[in-house]
């Protein structure tokens, strides 16, 4: 665990620090956007160590705060014995106002124990609050490497990601908290 903590601190300093290759005399705006390394100014959530079927990985959660105050959330996954870091998912600033919870979720599907990383967000409007969850299934790919990936496939549950608190009708969302989301998913998966 200490190694992963130190690695996360190192990666955070790389993501948030001055570009080591930048020449202070050179205008960085002349570098095309696709060649710039993103600069993160927030650790959005502490890393989560994931273990699944004997394989281990770590999910890292970083964000940028933009000029208008809104933030994105980028999920990186460190895997393959800490040799591979890849971007698993991004939530854009227009998709949420507040990050409510990030956690691991285990469930039984087709008599097999499965695991996901769940991200619960909320977005506030004048007459309602929209809650949304994003599910990153944890799986082992064909090369035997643990992955956390986001996709909307044929599973209707994965595509069912919105819930609304409506102030006019007093309709309330079933999953506005971590506990509520776990209860909701457990109920949905039993059907």
C-alpha atoms as a PDB file:
ATOM      1  CA  UNK A   1       0.000   0.000   0.000  1.00  0.00           C
ATOM      2  CA  UNK A   2       2.865   2.411   0.781  1.00  0.00           C
ATOM      3  CA  UNK A   3       4.273   1.886  -2.718  1.00  0.00           C
ATOM      4  CA  UNK A   4       0.945   2.759  -4.335  1.00  0.00           C
ATOM      5  CA  UNK A   5       0.549   5.818  -2.105  1.00  0.00           C
ATOM      6  CA  UNK A   6       4.010   7.058  -3.075  1.00  0.00           C
ATOM      7  CA  UNK A   7       3.324   6.295  -6.731  1.00  0.00           C
ATOM      8  CA  UNK A   8       0.062   8.253  -6.544  1.00  0.00           C
ATOM      9  CA  UNK A   9       1.868  11.215  -4.956  1.00  0.00           C
ATOM     10  CA  UNK A  10       4.512  11.053  -7.690  1.00  0.00           C
ATOM     11  CA  UNK A  11       1.891  10.845 -10.453  1.00  0.00           C
ATOM     12  CA  UNK A  12      -0.020  13.718  -8.860  1.00  0.00           C
ATOM     13  CA  UNK A  13       3.083  15.890  -8.865  1.00  0.00           C
ATOM     14  CA  UNK A  14       3.701  15.006 -12.504  1.00  0.00           C
ATOM     15  CA  UNK A  15       0.103  15.806 -13.437  1.00  0.00           C
ATOM     16  CA  UNK A  16       0.039  19.082 -11.475  1.00  0.00           C
ATOM     17  CA  UNK A  17       3.640  20.265 -11.750  1.00  0.00           C
ATOM     18  CA  UNK A  18       5.479  22.344 -14.320  1.00  0.00           C
ATOM     19  CA  UNK A  19       6.256  20.442 -17.503  1.00  0.00           C
ATOM     20  CA  UNK A  20       9.910  19.377 -17.158  1.00  0.00           C
ATOM     21  CA  UNK A  21      10.468  19.819 -20.892  1.00  0.00           C
ATOM     22  CA  UNK A  22       8.998  23.295 -20.997  1.00  0.00           C
ATOM     23  CA  UNK A  23      11.420  26.066 -21.798  1.00  0.00           C
ATOM     24  CA  UNK A  24      10.443  29.204 -19.903  1.00  0.00           C
ATOM     25  CA  UNK A  25      11.531  31.297 -22.913  1.00  0.00           C
ATOM     26  CA  UNK A  26       9.218  29.369 -25.230  1.00  0.00           C
ATOM     27  CA  UNK A  27       5.535  30.136 -25.600  1.00  0.00           C
ATOM     28  CA  UNK A  28       3.629  26.934 -24.657  1.00  0.00           C
ATOM     29  CA  UNK A  29       0.623  28.126 -26.667  1.00  0.00           C
ATOM     30  CA  UNK A  30       2.566  27.295 -29.831  1.00  0.00           C
ATOM     31  CA  UNK A  31       2.488  23.574 -28.927  1.00  0.00           C
ATOM     32  CA  UNK A  32      -0.504  21.870 -30.608  1.00  0.00           C
ATOM     33  CA  UNK A  33      -3.192  20.782 -28.120  1.00  0.00           C
ATOM     34  CA  UNK A  34      -2.861  17.065 -28.916  1.00  0.00           C
ATOM     35  CA  UNK A  35       0.803  17.112 -27.811  1.00  0.00           C
ATOM     36  CA  UNK A  36       0.262  18.864 -24.493  1.00  0.00           C
ATOM     37  CA  UNK A  37       0.162  16.770 -21.357  1.00  0.00           C
ATOM     38  CA  UNK A  38      -2.944  17.638 -19.322  1.00  0.00           C
ATOM     39  CA  UNK A  39      -2.359  19.601 -16.120  1.00  0.00           C
ATOM     40  CA  UNK A  40      -4.526  18.597 -13.186  1.00  0.00           C
ATOM     41  CA  UNK A  41      -5.068  20.853 -10.217  1.00  0.00           C
ATOM     42  CA  UNK A  42      -7.185  18.626  -7.969  1.00  0.00           C
ATOM     43  CA  UNK A  43      -7.184  15.136  -6.584  1.00  0.00           C
ATOM     44  CA  UNK A  44     -10.936  14.552  -6.791  1.00  0.00           C
ATOM     45  CA  UNK A  45     -11.059  11.444  -4.581  1.00  0.00           C
ATOM     46  CA  UNK A  46      -8.521   9.242  -2.782  1.00  0.00           C
ATOM     47  CA  UNK A  47      -7.311   6.272  -4.858  1.00  0.00           C
ATOM     48  CA  UNK A  48      -9.202   2.983  -4.559  1.00  0.00           C
ATOM     49  CA  UNK A  49      -7.273  -0.304  -4.528  1.00  0.00           C
ATOM     50  CA  UNK A  50      -9.208  -2.962  -6.424  1.00  0.00           C
ATOM     51  CA  UNK A  51      -8.679  -6.709  -6.176  1.00  0.00           C
ATOM     52  CA  UNK A  52     -10.612  -9.081  -8.396  1.00  0.00           C
ATOM     53  CA  UNK A  53      -9.974 -12.786  -9.039  1.00  0.00           C
ATOM     54  CA  UNK A  54      -6.433 -12.552  -7.673  1.00  0.00           C
ATOM     55  CA  UNK A  55      -5.475  -9.508  -9.794  1.00  0.00           C
ATOM     56  CA  UNK A  56      -4.862  -6.043  -8.352  1.00  0.00           C
ATOM     57  CA  UNK A  57      -5.167  -2.495  -9.643  1.00  0.00           C
ATOM     58  CA  UNK A  58      -5.652   1.054  -8.385  1.00  0.00           C
ATOM     59  CA  UNK A  59      -8.186   3.617  -9.590  1.00  0.00           C
ATOM     60  CA  UNK A  60      -6.970   7.250  -9.483  1.00  0.00           C
ATOM     61  CA  UNK A  61      -9.374  10.212  -9.625  1.00  0.00           C
ATOM     62  CA  UNK A  62      -8.075  13.565 -10.909  1.00  0.00           C
ATOM     63  CA  UNK A  63      -9.794  16.735 -12.054  1.00  0.00           C
ATOM     64  CA  UNK A  64      -9.294  20.188 -13.490  1.00  0.00           C
ATOM     65  CA  UNK A  65     -11.120  23.285 -12.321  1.00  0.00           C
ATOM     66  CA  UNK A  66     -11.924  25.523 -15.265  1.00  0.00           C
ATOM     67  CA  UNK A  67     -12.347  29.307 -15.381  1.00  0.00           C
ATOM     68  CA  UNK A  68     -16.109  29.055 -14.799  1.00  0.00           C
ATOM     69  CA  UNK A  69     -15.549  26.991 -11.612  1.00  0.00           C
ATOM     70  CA  UNK A  70     -16.801  23.725 -13.088  1.00  0.00           C
ATOM     71  CA  UNK A  71     -14.656  20.598 -12.883  1.00  0.00           C
ATOM     72  CA  UNK A  72     -14.169  17.474 -14.919  1.00  0.00           C
ATOM     73  CA  UNK A  73     -13.346  14.067 -13.425  1.00  0.00           C
ATOM     74  CA  UNK A  74     -10.843  11.737 -15.051  1.00  0.00           C
ATOM     75  CA  UNK A  75     -10.436   8.174 -13.874  1.00  0.00           C
ATOM     76  CA  UNK A  76      -7.078   6.507 -14.442  1.00  0.00           C
ATOM     77  CA  UNK A  77      -6.385   2.860 -13.703  1.00  0.00           C
ATOM     78  CA  UNK A  78      -2.962   1.594 -12.635  1.00  0.00           C
ATOM     79  CA  UNK A  79      -2.643  -2.117 -13.376  1.00  0.00           C
ATOM     80  CA  UNK A  80      -0.399  -4.933 -14.608  1.00  0.00           C
ATOM     81  CA  UNK A  81       1.795  -4.918 -11.461  1.00  0.00           C
ATOM     82  CA  UNK A  82       1.969  -1.099 -11.514  1.00  0.00           C
ATOM     83  CA  UNK A  83       3.422  -1.102 -15.045  1.00  0.00           C
ATOM     84  CA  UNK A  84       0.478   0.294 -16.985  1.00  0.00           C
ATOM     85  CA  UNK A  85      -1.483   3.491 -16.389  1.00  0.00           C
ATOM     86  CA  UNK A  86      -4.421   4.242 -18.670  1.00  0.00           C
ATOM     87  CA  UNK A  87      -7.388   6.585 -18.753  1.00  0.00           C
ATOM     88  CA  UNK A  88     -10.528   4.568 -18.063  1.00  0.00           C
ATOM     89  CA  UNK A  89     -13.194   7.254 -18.086  1.00  0.00           C
ATOM     90  CA  UNK A  90     -13.956  10.993 -18.031  1.00  0.00           C
ATOM     91  CA  UNK A  91     -16.967  12.909 -16.783  1.00  0.00           C
ATOM     92  CA  UNK A  92     -17.129  16.338 -18.416  1.00  0.00           C
ATOM     93  CA  UNK A  93     -17.952  19.561 -16.529  1.00  0.00           C
ATOM     94  CA  UNK A  94     -21.389  19.910 -18.133  1.00  0.00           C
ATOM     95  CA  UNK A  95     -22.380  16.451 -16.811  1.00  0.00           C
ATOM     96  CA  UNK A  96     -22.288  17.153 -13.067  1.00  0.00           C
ATOM     97  CA  UNK A  97     -22.070  19.810 -10.346  1.00  0.00           C
ATOM     98  CA  UNK A  98     -20.968  17.683  -7.403  1.00  0.00           C
ATOM     99  CA  UNK A  99     -19.251  14.353  -6.896  1.00  0.00           C
ATOM    100  CA  UNK A 100     -21.191  12.551  -4.147  1.00  0.00           C
ATOM    101  CA  UNK A 101     -19.450   9.202  -3.804  1.00  0.00           C
ATOM    102  CA  UNK A 102     -17.032   6.768  -5.432  1.00  0.00           C
ATOM    103  CA  UNK A 103     -16.884   3.175  -4.201  1.00  0.00           C
ATOM    104  CA  UNK A 104     -16.468  -0.492  -5.102  1.00  0.00           C
ATOM    105  CA  UNK A 105     -19.609  -2.551  -5.575  1.00  0.00           C
ATOM    106  CA  UNK A 106     -19.706  -6.357  -5.556  1.00  0.00           C
ATOM    107  CA  UNK A 107     -22.643  -8.364  -6.851  1.00  0.00           C
ATOM    108  CA  UNK A 108     -23.561 -11.825  -8.111  1.00  0.00           C
ATOM    109  CA  UNK A 109     -24.415 -12.073 -11.806  1.00  0.00           C
ATOM    110  CA  UNK A 110     -25.124 -15.423 -13.484  1.00  0.00           C
ATOM    111  CA  UNK A 111     -23.775 -17.203 -10.367  1.00  0.00           C
ATOM    112  CA  UNK A 112     -20.465 -15.343 -10.742  1.00  0.00           C
ATOM    113  CA  UNK A 113     -19.137 -12.742  -8.339  1.00  0.00           C
ATOM    114  CA  UNK A 114     -18.608  -9.465 -10.212  1.00  0.00           C
ATOM    115  CA  UNK A 115     -17.216  -6.089  -9.212  1.00  0.00           C
ATOM    116  CA  UNK A 116     -17.590  -2.500 -10.404  1.00  0.00           C
ATOM    117  CA  UNK A 117     -16.445   0.961  -9.419  1.00  0.00           C
ATOM    118  CA  UNK A 118     -19.460   3.252  -9.035  1.00  0.00           C
ATOM    119  CA  UNK A 119     -19.364   7.044  -9.317  1.00  0.00           C
ATOM    120  CA  UNK A 120     -22.412   8.923  -7.990  1.00  0.00           C
ATOM    121  CA  UNK A 121     -22.895  12.557  -9.054  1.00  0.00           C
ATOM    122  CA  UNK A 122     -25.528  15.247  -8.835  1.00  0.00           C
ATOM    123  CA  UNK A 123     -26.499  18.181 -11.014  1.00  0.00           C
ATOM    124  CA  UNK A 124     -28.670  20.992  -9.645  1.00  0.00           C
ATOM    125  CA  UNK A 125     -31.335  22.755 -11.709  1.00  0.00           C
ATOM    126  CA  UNK A 126     -33.940  25.370 -10.710  1.00  0.00           C
ATOM    127  CA  UNK A 127     -36.755  22.931 -10.014  1.00  0.00           C
ATOM    128  CA  UNK A 128     -34.920  19.632  -9.674  1.00  0.00           C
ATOM    129  CA  UNK A 129     -31.766  17.750  -8.779  1.00  0.00           C
ATOM    130  CA  UNK A 130     -30.550  15.085 -11.172  1.00  0.00           C
ATOM    131  CA  UNK A 131     -28.547  12.179  -9.735  1.00  0.00           C
ATOM    132  CA  UNK A 132     -26.529   9.995 -12.036  1.00  0.00           C
ATOM    133  CA  UNK A 133     -24.272   7.046 -11.524  1.00  0.00           C
ATOM    134  CA  UNK A 134     -21.557   5.764 -13.783  1.00  0.00           C
ATOM    135  CA  UNK A 135     -20.495   2.144 -13.559  1.00  0.00           C
ATOM    136  CA  UNK A 136     -17.005   0.991 -14.479  1.00  0.00           C
ATOM    137  CA  UNK A 137     -17.079  -2.821 -14.556  1.00  0.00           C
ATOM    138  CA  UNK A 138     -13.878  -4.458 -13.351  1.00  0.00           C
ATOM    139  CA  UNK A 139     -12.839  -7.349 -15.572  1.00  0.00           C
ATOM    140  CA  UNK A 140      -9.868  -9.415 -16.639  1.00  0.00           C
ATOM    141  CA  UNK A 141      -9.069  -9.040 -20.340  1.00  0.00           C
ATOM    142  CA  UNK A 142      -7.805 -11.741 -22.716  1.00  0.00           C
ATOM    143  CA  UNK A 143      -4.186 -11.004 -21.725  1.00  0.00           C
ATOM    144  CA  UNK A 144      -4.977 -11.676 -18.058  1.00  0.00           C
ATOM    145  CA  UNK A 145      -4.717  -7.990 -17.069  1.00  0.00           C
ATOM    146  CA  UNK A 146      -7.224  -6.412 -14.686  1.00  0.00           C
ATOM    147  CA  UNK A 147      -9.160  -3.536 -16.295  1.00  0.00           C
ATOM    148  CA  UNK A 148     -11.772  -1.021 -15.209  1.00  0.00           C
ATOM    149  CA  UNK A 149     -13.714   0.076 -18.284  1.00  0.00           C
ATOM    150  CA  UNK A 150     -16.804   2.147 -18.961  1.00  0.00           C
ATOM    151  CA  UNK A 151     -19.217   1.062 -21.646  1.00  0.00           C
ATOM    152  CA  UNK A 152     -22.929   0.962 -22.253  1.00  0.00           C
ATOM    153  CA  UNK A 153     -23.696  -2.381 -23.779  1.00  0.00           C
ATOM    154  CA  UNK A 154     -26.860  -4.402 -24.084  1.00  0.00           C
ATOM    155  CA  UNK A 155     -27.410  -4.387 -20.310  1.00  0.00           C
ATOM    156  CA  UNK A 156     -30.377  -2.076 -19.728  1.00  0.00           C
ATOM    157  CA  UNK A 157     -29.277  -1.540 -16.124  1.00  0.00           C
ATOM    158  CA  UNK A 158     -25.993   0.083 -17.174  1.00  0.00           C
ATOM    159  CA  UNK A 159     -27.867   2.476 -19.462  1.00  0.00           C
ATOM    160  CA  UNK A 160     -30.342   3.356 -16.674  1.00  0.00           C
ATOM    161  CA  UNK A 161     -28.264   6.115 -15.098  1.00  0.00           C
ATOM    162  CA  UNK A 162     -30.570   9.017 -14.242  1.00  0.00           C
ATOM    163  CA  UNK A 163     -32.815   9.789 -11.276  1.00  0.00           C
ATOM    164  CA  UNK A 164     -34.540  13.083 -10.378  1.00  0.00           C
ATOM    165  CA  UNK A 165     -35.651  14.904  -7.235  1.00  0.00           C
ATOM    166  CA  UNK A 166     -38.450  17.122  -8.565  1.00  0.00           C
ATOM    167  CA  UNK A 167     -39.306  20.005  -6.208  1.00  0.00           C
ATOM    168  CA  UNK A 168     -42.640  20.726  -7.911  1.00  0.00           C
ATOM    169  CA  UNK A 169     -44.039  17.182  -7.725  1.00  0.00           C
ATOM    170  CA  UNK A 170     -42.148  16.137  -4.572  1.00  0.00           C
ATOM    171  CA  UNK A 171     -40.904  13.054  -6.440  1.00  0.00           C
ATOM    172  CA  UNK A 172     -37.656  11.865  -4.822  1.00  0.00           C
ATOM    173  CA  UNK A 173     -34.768   9.884  -6.245  1.00  0.00           C
ATOM    174  CA  UNK A 174     -34.145   6.348  -5.000  1.00  0.00           C
ATOM    175  CA  UNK A 175     -30.354   6.686  -5.154  1.00  0.00           C
ATOM    176  CA  UNK A 176     -29.224  10.106  -3.942  1.00  0.00           C
ATOM    177  CA  UNK A 177     -26.723   8.512  -1.503  1.00  0.00           C
ATOM    178  CA  UNK A 178     -24.206   5.666  -1.636  1.00  0.00           C
ATOM    179  CA  UNK A 179     -26.426   3.520   0.574  1.00  0.00           C
ATOM    180  CA  UNK A 180     -29.491   4.298  -1.559  1.00  0.00           C
ATOM    181  CA  UNK A 181     -27.613   3.403  -4.753  1.00  0.00           C
ATOM    182  CA  UNK A 182     -26.463   0.072  -3.306  1.00  0.00           C
ATOM    183  CA  UNK A 183     -30.033  -0.731  -2.227  1.00  0.00           C
ATOM    184  CA  UNK A 184     -31.388   0.315  -5.652  1.00  0.00           C
ATOM    185  CA  UNK A 185     -28.847  -1.802  -7.577  1.00  0.00           C
ATOM    186  CA  UNK A 186     -29.356  -4.827  -5.342  1.00  0.00           C
ATOM    187  CA  UNK A 187     -33.112  -4.591  -5.954  1.00  0.00           C
ATOM    188  CA  UNK A 188     -32.679  -4.112  -9.734  1.00  0.00           C
ATOM    189  CA  UNK A 189     -30.243  -7.008 -10.099  1.00  0.00           C
ATOM    190  CA  UNK A 190     -32.581  -9.432  -8.323  1.00  0.00           C
ATOM    191  CA  UNK A 191     -35.311  -8.933 -10.976  1.00  0.00           C
END
